[in-house]
Amino acid sequence: TEYFWFFANFTNIVPVDFLDFIPEQHQKDQIHVWYTIHPKGGFNKEGNVMLIPTRKFKEQMNQLKFL
């Protein structure tokens, strides 16, 4: 796939209103991050929901130290 989602295991993603997000052309190689401060969202203040471009990630994955 062109992108894949990464969710921290403690993040409650119900209800989800952003899974149909499609990045703009000039943003297609960027990691997109979402956070929530709502109690039902698991207080995801650190941005532990990410949409990651698969091709760019695979190009860099062997050199990554942090995500």
N, C-alpha and C. Protein backbone atom coordinates (compact mmCIF):
# COMPACT_ATOMS: atom_id res chain seq x y z
N THR A 1 0.84 -1.19 0.00
CA THR A 1 0.00 0.00 0.00
C THR A 1 0.88 1.25 0.00
N GLU A 2 0.29 2.33 -0.38
CA GLU A 2 1.05 3.58 -0.46
C GLU A 2 1.39 4.13 0.93
N TYR A 3 0.49 3.90 1.90
CA TYR A 3 0.68 4.36 3.28
C TYR A 3 0.29 3.25 4.23
N PHE A 4 0.81 3.31 5.45
CA PHE A 4 0.32 2.42 6.49
C PHE A 4 0.13 3.21 7.78
N TRP A 5 -0.81 2.74 8.59
CA TRP A 5 -1.13 3.39 9.87
C TRP A 5 -0.32 2.74 10.97
N PHE A 6 0.15 3.55 11.91
CA PHE A 6 0.81 3.06 13.12
C PHE A 6 0.04 3.61 14.30
N PHE A 7 -0.41 2.72 15.18
CA PHE A 7 -1.15 3.10 16.38
C PHE A 7 -0.43 2.54 17.60
N ALA A 8 -0.18 3.37 18.59
CA ALA A 8 0.34 2.86 19.85
C ALA A 8 -0.73 1.96 20.46
N ASN A 9 -0.31 0.89 21.13
CA ASN A 9 -1.28 -0.09 21.63
C ASN A 9 -2.18 0.46 22.73
N PHE A 10 -1.83 1.56 23.35
CA PHE A 10 -2.68 2.12 24.41
C PHE A 10 -3.68 3.15 23.87
N THR A 11 -3.63 3.43 22.59
CA THR A 11 -4.48 4.45 22.00
C THR A 11 -5.84 3.88 21.65
N ASN A 12 -6.88 4.52 22.13
CA ASN A 12 -8.25 4.13 21.81
C ASN A 12 -8.69 4.96 20.60
N ILE A 13 -8.90 4.30 19.48
CA ILE A 13 -9.21 5.04 18.25
C ILE A 13 -10.69 5.02 17.91
N VAL A 14 -11.53 4.78 18.88
CA VAL A 14 -12.98 4.76 18.63
C VAL A 14 -13.58 6.01 19.24
N PRO A 15 -14.33 6.81 18.60
CA PRO A 15 -14.63 6.75 17.17
C PRO A 15 -13.50 7.33 16.34
N VAL A 16 -13.35 6.83 15.16
CA VAL A 16 -12.29 7.26 14.25
C VAL A 16 -12.90 8.13 13.16
N ASP A 17 -12.35 9.30 12.98
CA ASP A 17 -12.88 10.19 11.95
C ASP A 17 -11.82 10.66 10.97
N PHE A 18 -10.63 10.06 11.02
CA PHE A 18 -9.55 10.52 10.15
C PHE A 18 -8.93 9.41 9.31
N LEU A 19 -9.42 8.18 9.39
CA LEU A 19 -8.78 7.08 8.67
C LEU A 19 -8.91 7.17 7.15
N ASP A 20 -9.74 8.06 6.67
CA ASP A 20 -9.85 8.24 5.23
C ASP A 20 -8.99 9.41 4.74
N PHE A 21 -8.10 9.89 5.59
CA PHE A 21 -7.23 11.02 5.25
C PHE A 21 -6.32 10.66 4.07
N ILE A 22 -6.23 11.54 3.10
CA ILE A 22 -5.33 11.39 1.97
C ILE A 22 -4.46 12.64 1.92
N PRO A 23 -3.14 12.48 2.06
CA PRO A 23 -2.26 13.65 2.06
C PRO A 23 -2.28 14.39 0.72
N GLU A 24 -2.07 15.69 0.79
CA GLU A 24 -1.92 16.50 -0.41
C GLU A 24 -0.65 16.06 -1.14
N GLN A 25 -0.56 16.35 -2.41
CA GLN A 25 0.58 15.92 -3.23
C GLN A 25 1.91 16.38 -2.63
N HIS A 26 1.98 17.61 -2.14
CA HIS A 26 3.23 18.13 -1.58
C HIS A 26 3.53 17.56 -0.18
N GLN A 27 2.61 16.78 0.38
CA GLN A 27 2.79 16.17 1.70
C GLN A 27 2.93 14.65 1.62
N LYS A 28 3.01 14.09 0.44
CA LYS A 28 2.92 12.64 0.26
C LYS A 28 4.09 11.87 0.86
N ASP A 29 5.24 12.50 1.07
CA ASP A 29 6.40 11.82 1.64
C ASP A 29 6.59 12.10 3.12
N GLN A 30 5.67 12.80 3.73
CA GLN A 30 5.78 13.17 5.15
C GLN A 30 5.03 12.18 6.03
N ILE A 31 5.49 12.03 7.26
CA ILE A 31 4.74 11.29 8.27
C ILE A 31 3.70 12.24 8.84
N HIS A 32 2.47 11.81 8.88
CA HIS A 32 1.38 12.61 9.44
C HIS A 32 1.04 12.05 10.82
N VAL A 33 0.88 12.93 11.79
CA VAL A 33 0.70 12.53 13.18
C VAL A 33 -0.55 13.17 13.76
N TRP A 34 -1.32 12.37 14.52
CA TRP A 34 -2.51 12.86 15.20
C TRP A 34 -2.37 12.61 16.70
N TYR A 35 -3.00 13.48 17.45
CA TYR A 35 -3.05 13.32 18.91
C TYR A 35 -4.44 13.68 19.38
N THR A 36 -4.72 13.32 20.62
CA THR A 36 -5.99 13.71 21.23
C THR A 36 -5.77 13.96 22.71
N ILE A 37 -6.54 14.87 23.25
CA ILE A 37 -6.52 15.09 24.70
C ILE A 37 -7.87 14.72 25.30
N HIS A 38 -8.69 14.07 24.49
CA HIS A 38 -10.02 13.64 24.95
C HIS A 38 -9.88 12.35 25.76
N PRO A 39 -10.54 12.24 26.92
CA PRO A 39 -10.42 11.05 27.76
C PRO A 39 -10.74 9.74 27.03
N LYS A 40 -11.68 9.76 26.11
CA LYS A 40 -12.03 8.53 25.39
C LYS A 40 -10.99 8.16 24.34
N GLY A 41 -10.07 9.04 24.07
CA GLY A 41 -9.01 8.77 23.11
C GLY A 41 -7.75 8.25 23.77
N GLY A 42 -7.78 8.02 25.06
CA GLY A 42 -6.62 7.50 25.76
C GLY A 42 -5.58 8.55 26.07
N PHE A 43 -5.97 9.83 26.08
CA PHE A 43 -5.04 10.93 26.34
C PHE A 43 -3.75 10.77 25.52
N ASN A 44 -3.90 10.63 24.24
CA ASN A 44 -2.79 10.46 23.32
C ASN A 44 -2.14 11.82 23.05
N LYS A 45 -1.46 12.37 24.03
CA LYS A 45 -0.86 13.70 23.91
C LYS A 45 0.44 13.70 23.10
N GLU A 46 1.03 12.54 22.93
CA GLU A 46 2.33 12.44 22.27
C GLU A 46 2.24 12.24 20.77
N GLY A 47 1.06 12.13 20.22
CA GLY A 47 0.92 11.93 18.79
C GLY A 47 1.25 10.50 18.38
N ASN A 48 0.64 9.55 19.03
CA ASN A 48 0.94 8.14 18.80
C ASN A 48 0.07 7.48 17.75
N VAL A 49 -0.49 8.27 16.87
CA VAL A 49 -1.22 7.76 15.70
C VAL A 49 -0.54 8.39 14.49
N MET A 50 -0.01 7.54 13.60
CA MET A 50 0.76 8.05 12.47
C MET A 50 0.33 7.40 11.17
N LEU A 51 0.32 8.19 10.12
CA LEU A 51 0.15 7.70 8.76
C LEU A 51 1.52 7.85 8.10
N ILE A 52 2.10 6.72 7.71
CA ILE A 52 3.49 6.70 7.25
C ILE A 52 3.54 6.29 5.78
N PRO A 53 4.27 7.04 4.95
CA PRO A 53 4.41 6.65 3.54
C PRO A 53 5.31 5.41 3.42
N THR A 54 4.78 4.34 2.89
CA THR A 54 5.47 3.05 2.86
C THR A 54 6.80 3.11 2.13
N ARG A 55 6.83 3.67 0.94
CA ARG A 55 8.06 3.69 0.14
C ARG A 55 9.17 4.46 0.84
N LYS A 56 8.86 5.64 1.34
CA LYS A 56 9.86 6.45 2.04
C LYS A 56 10.35 5.76 3.31
N PHE A 57 9.43 5.11 4.02
CA PHE A 57 9.82 4.40 5.23
C PHE A 57 10.78 3.26 4.90
N LYS A 58 10.47 2.49 3.86
CA LYS A 58 11.34 1.37 3.48
C LYS A 58 12.72 1.85 3.04
N GLU A 59 12.79 3.00 2.41
CA GLU A 59 14.08 3.56 2.00
C GLU A 59 14.95 3.90 3.20
N GLN A 60 14.34 4.28 4.32
CA GLN A 60 15.08 4.78 5.47
C GLN A 60 15.10 3.83 6.67
N MET A 61 14.35 2.74 6.63
CA MET A 61 14.13 1.95 7.84
C MET A 61 15.41 1.35 8.43
N ASN A 62 16.41 1.04 7.64
CA ASN A 62 17.64 0.47 8.19
C ASN A 62 18.52 1.50 8.89
N GLN A 63 18.29 2.77 8.62
CA GLN A 63 19.08 3.83 9.26
C GLN A 63 18.34 4.52 10.41
N LEU A 64 17.06 4.23 10.57
CA LEU A 64 16.26 4.90 11.61
C LEU A 64 16.69 4.47 13.00
N LYS A 65 16.81 5.45 13.88
CA LYS A 65 17.07 5.17 15.28
C LYS A 65 15.84 5.46 16.13
N PHE A 66 15.01 6.39 15.66
CA PHE A 66 13.80 6.79 16.38
C PHE A 66 12.69 7.02 15.37
N LEU A 67 11.47 6.83 15.83
CA LEU A 67 10.32 7.14 14.98
C LEU A 67 9.40 8.05 15.74
